[in-house]
Amino acid sequence: MLPLLLISLSFHVPSSYSAGGWQPIENITDPHVQEIGNYAVSEHNRQSGDNLEFLRVTSGETQVVAGTNYRLVLEASDEEGNAACYQAVVWEKAWEGFRQLTSFNSV
């Protein structure tokens, strides 16, 4: 039992990180983050029949769960040019080329 306890203690996780927790995206202008935001709007349009135009991601967080969840606040405009903010969650498994929009709501 003691060897197992010593092994488990050697894998200390810093208190500022919680496994499975949301972590802020430090570089929100990263092209990949903006691409995920654009995907969220495009997929929302496909599912809903809306015709929003992606403008930019303004903030976001990531969560590692069998891939990466992106919880993004983004701006998009409607057909009349009126901009609004939305929160989208996208699940990505980059190594498989997989993305799925799991939620999209106005904020």
N, C-alpha and C. Protein backbone atom coordinates (compact mmCIF):
# COMPACT_ATOMS: atom_id res chain seq x y z
N MET A 1 0.82 -1.20 0.00
CA MET A 1 0.00 0.00 0.00
C MET A 1 0.87 1.26 0.00
N LEU A 2 1.91 1.24 0.79
CA LEU A 2 2.78 2.42 0.88
C LEU A 2 3.36 2.82 -0.47
N PRO A 3 3.86 1.86 -1.29
CA PRO A 3 4.37 2.27 -2.61
C PRO A 3 3.31 2.96 -3.47
N LEU A 4 2.07 2.49 -3.43
CA LEU A 4 1.00 3.14 -4.21
C LEU A 4 0.74 4.54 -3.71
N LEU A 5 0.77 4.73 -2.41
CA LEU A 5 0.56 6.06 -1.84
C LEU A 5 1.68 6.99 -2.26
N LEU A 6 2.92 6.54 -2.24
CA LEU A 6 4.05 7.37 -2.63
C LEU A 6 4.00 7.73 -4.11
N ILE A 7 3.58 6.77 -4.93
CA ILE A 7 3.45 7.06 -6.36
C ILE A 7 2.36 8.11 -6.59
N SER A 8 1.23 7.97 -5.92
CA SER A 8 0.15 8.93 -6.13
C SER A 8 0.53 10.31 -5.64
N LEU A 9 1.33 10.41 -4.60
CA LEU A 9 1.76 11.72 -4.10
C LEU A 9 2.76 12.39 -5.04
N SER A 10 3.44 11.60 -5.87
CA SER A 10 4.43 12.18 -6.78
C SER A 10 3.76 12.89 -7.96
N PHE A 11 2.47 12.69 -8.17
CA PHE A 11 1.73 13.34 -9.25
C PHE A 11 0.89 14.48 -8.70
N HIS A 12 1.53 15.44 -8.10
CA HIS A 12 0.84 16.57 -7.49
C HIS A 12 0.33 17.51 -8.58
N VAL A 13 -0.90 17.89 -8.50
CA VAL A 13 -1.49 18.85 -9.42
C VAL A 13 -1.53 20.19 -8.72
N PRO A 14 -0.98 21.25 -9.33
CA PRO A 14 -1.00 22.56 -8.70
C PRO A 14 -2.42 22.98 -8.34
N SER A 15 -2.56 23.72 -7.27
CA SER A 15 -3.89 24.11 -6.80
C SER A 15 -4.59 25.08 -7.75
N SER A 16 -3.83 25.76 -8.62
CA SER A 16 -4.45 26.69 -9.55
C SER A 16 -5.09 25.98 -10.73
N TYR A 17 -4.85 24.67 -10.87
CA TYR A 17 -5.41 23.91 -11.98
C TYR A 17 -6.33 22.84 -11.42
N SER A 18 -7.54 22.78 -11.91
CA SER A 18 -8.42 21.70 -11.49
C SER A 18 -8.70 20.84 -12.71
N ALA A 19 -8.39 19.56 -12.61
CA ALA A 19 -8.57 18.64 -13.73
C ALA A 19 -10.02 18.70 -14.19
N GLY A 20 -10.21 18.87 -15.48
CA GLY A 20 -11.55 18.95 -16.04
C GLY A 20 -12.21 20.31 -15.87
N GLY A 21 -11.54 21.22 -15.19
CA GLY A 21 -12.09 22.56 -14.99
C GLY A 21 -11.85 23.46 -16.19
N TRP A 22 -12.55 24.55 -16.22
CA TRP A 22 -12.40 25.53 -17.30
C TRP A 22 -11.21 26.42 -17.02
N GLN A 23 -10.40 26.66 -18.05
CA GLN A 23 -9.24 27.53 -17.97
C GLN A 23 -9.39 28.65 -18.99
N PRO A 24 -9.08 29.90 -18.60
CA PRO A 24 -9.21 31.01 -19.55
C PRO A 24 -8.27 30.85 -20.74
N ILE A 25 -8.73 31.29 -21.89
CA ILE A 25 -7.88 31.31 -23.09
C ILE A 25 -7.07 32.60 -23.01
N GLU A 26 -5.76 32.45 -22.96
CA GLU A 26 -4.89 33.63 -22.80
C GLU A 26 -4.78 34.44 -24.08
N ASN A 27 -4.66 33.78 -25.24
CA ASN A 27 -4.52 34.50 -26.51
C ASN A 27 -5.80 34.32 -27.32
N ILE A 28 -6.75 35.17 -27.08
CA ILE A 28 -8.06 35.08 -27.72
C ILE A 28 -7.98 35.37 -29.23
N THR A 29 -6.91 36.04 -29.67
CA THR A 29 -6.76 36.34 -31.09
C THR A 29 -6.07 35.21 -31.85
N ASP A 30 -5.72 34.13 -31.17
CA ASP A 30 -5.10 32.98 -31.83
C ASP A 30 -5.98 32.55 -33.00
N PRO A 31 -5.40 32.35 -34.18
CA PRO A 31 -6.20 31.98 -35.35
C PRO A 31 -7.06 30.73 -35.13
N HIS A 32 -6.57 29.76 -34.37
CA HIS A 32 -7.36 28.54 -34.13
C HIS A 32 -8.60 28.85 -33.31
N VAL A 33 -8.48 29.73 -32.32
CA VAL A 33 -9.62 30.12 -31.49
C VAL A 33 -10.65 30.84 -32.36
N GLN A 34 -10.19 31.74 -33.22
CA GLN A 34 -11.10 32.46 -34.11
C GLN A 34 -11.76 31.49 -35.10
N GLU A 35 -11.02 30.47 -35.54
CA GLU A 35 -11.58 29.46 -36.43
C GLU A 35 -12.69 28.66 -35.75
N ILE A 36 -12.49 28.34 -34.47
CA ILE A 36 -13.52 27.62 -33.71
C ILE A 36 -14.77 28.50 -33.61
N GLY A 37 -14.60 29.79 -33.36
CA GLY A 37 -15.74 30.71 -33.30
C GLY A 37 -16.48 30.79 -34.63
N ASN A 38 -15.74 30.85 -35.72
CA ASN A 38 -16.35 30.89 -37.04
C ASN A 38 -17.12 29.59 -37.31
N TYR A 39 -16.53 28.46 -36.92
CA TYR A 39 -17.21 27.18 -37.06
C TYR A 39 -18.53 27.19 -36.28
N ALA A 40 -18.51 27.72 -35.04
CA ALA A 40 -19.71 27.73 -34.20
C ALA A 40 -20.85 28.49 -34.90
N VAL A 41 -20.54 29.64 -35.47
CA VAL A 41 -21.57 30.42 -36.16
C VAL A 41 -22.06 29.68 -37.41
N SER A 42 -21.14 29.14 -38.19
CA SER A 42 -21.53 28.41 -39.41
C SER A 42 -22.40 27.21 -39.09
N GLU A 43 -22.03 26.46 -38.05
CA GLU A 43 -22.80 25.28 -37.67
C GLU A 43 -24.16 25.68 -37.10
N HIS A 44 -24.20 26.77 -36.32
CA HIS A 44 -25.48 27.27 -35.82
C HIS A 44 -26.38 27.65 -37.00
N ASN A 45 -25.83 28.34 -37.98
CA ASN A 45 -26.62 28.71 -39.16
C ASN A 45 -27.17 27.47 -39.87
N ARG A 46 -26.34 26.45 -40.01
CA ARG A 46 -26.77 25.22 -40.69
C ARG A 46 -27.90 24.54 -39.94
N GLN A 47 -27.79 24.51 -38.60
CA GLN A 47 -28.80 23.83 -37.79
C GLN A 47 -30.09 24.62 -37.65
N SER A 48 -29.99 25.93 -37.61
CA SER A 48 -31.16 26.76 -37.29
C SER A 48 -31.80 27.44 -38.50
N GLY A 49 -31.04 27.56 -39.58
CA GLY A 49 -31.55 28.31 -40.73
C GLY A 49 -31.29 29.80 -40.60
N ASP A 50 -30.65 30.23 -39.51
CA ASP A 50 -30.28 31.64 -39.36
C ASP A 50 -29.21 31.99 -40.39
N ASN A 51 -28.94 33.28 -40.50
CA ASN A 51 -27.91 33.74 -41.43
C ASN A 51 -27.01 34.75 -40.73
N LEU A 52 -26.40 34.31 -39.62
CA LEU A 52 -25.49 35.17 -38.88
C LEU A 52 -24.13 35.19 -39.57
N GLU A 53 -23.42 36.31 -39.40
CA GLU A 53 -22.06 36.42 -39.92
C GLU A 53 -21.11 36.56 -38.75
N PHE A 54 -20.13 35.66 -38.67
CA PHE A 54 -19.14 35.69 -37.61
C PHE A 54 -18.32 36.97 -37.71
N LEU A 55 -18.12 37.63 -36.55
CA LEU A 55 -17.26 38.82 -36.50
C LEU A 55 -15.96 38.52 -35.78
N ARG A 56 -16.06 38.04 -34.51
CA ARG A 56 -14.85 37.73 -33.76
C ARG A 56 -15.19 37.07 -32.44
N VAL A 57 -14.21 36.36 -31.88
CA VAL A 57 -14.32 35.82 -30.53
C VAL A 57 -13.80 36.90 -29.59
N THR A 58 -14.54 37.19 -28.53
CA THR A 58 -14.12 38.24 -27.59
C THR A 58 -13.54 37.69 -26.30
N SER A 59 -13.92 36.48 -25.91
CA SER A 59 -13.35 35.86 -24.71
C SER A 59 -13.68 34.37 -24.76
N GLY A 60 -13.02 33.62 -23.90
CA GLY A 60 -13.31 32.20 -23.91
C GLY A 60 -12.52 31.41 -22.90
N GLU A 61 -12.92 30.16 -22.77
CA GLU A 61 -12.29 29.22 -21.86
C GLU A 61 -12.20 27.87 -22.55
N THR A 62 -11.27 27.05 -22.09
CA THR A 62 -11.15 25.69 -22.58
C THR A 62 -11.25 24.71 -21.43
N GLN A 63 -11.64 23.49 -21.78
CA GLN A 63 -11.77 22.40 -20.82
C GLN A 63 -11.31 21.13 -21.53
N VAL A 64 -10.38 20.41 -20.92
CA VAL A 64 -9.89 19.17 -21.52
C VAL A 64 -10.78 18.02 -21.07
N VAL A 65 -11.47 17.39 -22.04
CA VAL A 65 -12.36 16.24 -21.78
C VAL A 65 -12.40 15.40 -23.05
N ALA A 66 -11.57 14.35 -23.13
CA ALA A 66 -11.52 13.51 -24.33
C ALA A 66 -11.50 14.38 -25.58
N GLY A 67 -10.66 15.35 -25.55
CA GLY A 67 -10.57 16.39 -26.56
C GLY A 67 -10.59 17.72 -25.82
N THR A 68 -11.08 18.74 -26.47
CA THR A 68 -11.14 20.06 -25.85
C THR A 68 -12.51 20.68 -26.08
N ASN A 69 -13.12 21.14 -25.00
CA ASN A 69 -14.32 21.97 -25.10
C ASN A 69 -13.87 23.42 -25.14
N TYR A 70 -14.44 24.18 -26.05
CA TYR A 70 -14.21 25.63 -26.12
C TYR A 70 -15.52 26.30 -25.76
N ARG A 71 -15.52 27.11 -24.71
CA ARG A 71 -16.69 27.92 -24.35
C ARG A 71 -16.32 29.36 -24.70
N LEU A 72 -16.92 29.85 -25.77
CA LEU A 72 -16.53 31.14 -26.34
C LEU A 72 -17.66 32.15 -26.29
N VAL A 73 -17.30 33.37 -26.03
CA VAL A 73 -18.21 34.49 -26.23
C VAL A 73 -17.77 35.14 -27.53
N LEU A 74 -18.71 35.27 -28.46
CA LEU A 74 -18.36 35.79 -29.77
C LEU A 74 -19.37 36.82 -30.22
N GLU A 75 -18.96 37.59 -31.20
CA GLU A 75 -19.85 38.57 -31.82
C GLU A 75 -20.20 38.08 -33.22
N ALA A 76 -21.46 38.25 -33.56
CA ALA A 76 -21.93 37.93 -34.91
C ALA A 76 -23.00 38.95 -35.27
N SER A 77 -23.15 39.17 -36.57
CA SER A 77 -24.17 40.13 -37.01
C SER A 77 -25.24 39.42 -37.83
N ASP A 78 -26.45 39.99 -37.78
CA ASP A 78 -27.55 39.43 -38.55
C ASP A 78 -27.56 40.02 -39.96
N GLU A 79 -28.56 39.67 -40.74
CA GLU A 79 -28.64 40.13 -42.14
C GLU A 79 -28.72 41.64 -42.27
N GLU A 80 -29.21 42.31 -41.23
CA GLU A 80 -29.33 43.77 -41.28
C GLU A 80 -28.09 44.46 -40.72
N GLY A 81 -27.09 43.69 -40.33
CA GLY A 81 -25.84 44.27 -39.82
C GLY A 81 -25.84 44.54 -38.34
N ASN A 82 -26.88 44.12 -37.63
CA ASN A 82 -26.94 44.33 -36.18
C ASN A 82 -26.08 43.27 -35.48
N ALA A 83 -25.09 43.75 -34.72
CA ALA A 83 -24.19 42.83 -34.02
C ALA A 83 -24.77 42.46 -32.66
N ALA A 84 -24.50 41.23 -32.24
CA ALA A 84 -24.93 40.75 -30.93
C ALA A 84 -23.89 39.76 -30.43
N CYS A 85 -23.94 39.50 -29.12
CA CYS A 85 -23.01 38.56 -28.50
C CYS A 85 -23.70 37.22 -28.26
N TYR A 86 -22.95 36.16 -28.43
CA TYR A 86 -23.44 34.81 -28.25
C TYR A 86 -22.40 34.01 -27.47
N GLN A 87 -22.89 33.01 -26.75
CA GLN A 87 -21.98 32.05 -26.12
C GLN A 87 -22.14 30.72 -26.83
N ALA A 88 -21.03 30.18 -27.28
CA ALA A 88 -21.04 28.90 -27.99
C ALA A 88 -20.10 27.94 -27.29
N VAL A 89 -20.48 26.67 -27.26
CA VAL A 89 -19.59 25.62 -26.77
C VAL A 89 -19.36 24.66 -27.93
N VAL A 90 -18.08 24.44 -28.22
CA VAL A 90 -17.68 23.54 -29.30
C VAL A 90 -16.75 22.49 -28.71
N TRP A 91 -17.04 21.24 -29.01
CA TRP A 91 -16.18 20.12 -28.60
C TRP A 91 -15.33 19.75 -29.80
N GLU A 92 -14.01 19.71 -29.59
CA GLU A 92 -13.09 19.39 -30.68
C GLU A 92 -12.15 18.26 -30.28
N LYS A 93 -11.98 17.33 -31.20
CA LYS A 93 -10.92 16.33 -31.10
C LYS A 93 -10.05 16.56 -32.33
N ALA A 94 -9.05 17.43 -32.17
CA ALA A 94 -8.25 17.89 -33.31
C ALA A 94 -7.56 16.75 -34.05
N TRP A 95 -7.10 15.75 -33.33
CA TRP A 95 -6.38 14.65 -33.95
C TRP A 95 -7.28 13.80 -34.85
N GLU A 96 -8.59 13.92 -34.69
CA GLU A 96 -9.53 13.20 -35.54
C GLU A 96 -10.21 14.11 -36.56
N GLY A 97 -9.93 15.41 -36.50
CA GLY A 97 -10.61 16.36 -37.37
C GLY A 97 -12.08 16.49 -37.02
N PHE A 98 -12.42 16.28 -35.75
CA PHE A 98 -13.81 16.26 -35.28
C PHE A 98 -14.14 17.54 -34.53
N ARG A 99 -15.29 18.12 -34.86
CA ARG A 99 -15.84 19.27 -34.12
C ARG A 99 -17.34 19.07 -34.00
N GLN A 100 -17.88 19.50 -32.84
CA GLN A 100 -19.32 19.42 -32.64
C GLN A 100 -19.77 20.65 -31.84
N LEU A 101 -20.76 21.36 -32.37
CA LEU A 101 -21.37 22.47 -31.64
C LEU A 101 -22.33 21.87 -30.62
N THR A 102 -22.07 22.14 -29.33
CA THR A 102 -22.94 21.57 -28.30
C THR A 102 -23.92 22.58 -27.74
N SER A 103 -23.66 23.87 -27.88
CA SER A 103 -24.66 24.87 -27.50
C SER A 103 -24.32 26.20 -28.19
N PHE A 104 -25.37 27.00 -28.38
CA PHE A 104 -25.22 28.33 -28.99
C PHE A 104 -26.38 29.18 -28.50
N ASN A 105 -26.08 30.18 -27.69
CA ASN A 105 -27.12 31.01 -27.09
C ASN A 105 -26.73 32.48 -27.10
N SER A 106 -27.72 33.35 -27.22
CA SER A 106 -27.44 34.78 -27.11
C SER A 106 -27.16 35.12 -25.66
N VAL A 107 -26.29 36.10 -25.45
CA VAL A 107 -25.95 36.55 -24.09
C VAL A 107 -26.18 38.03 -23.96
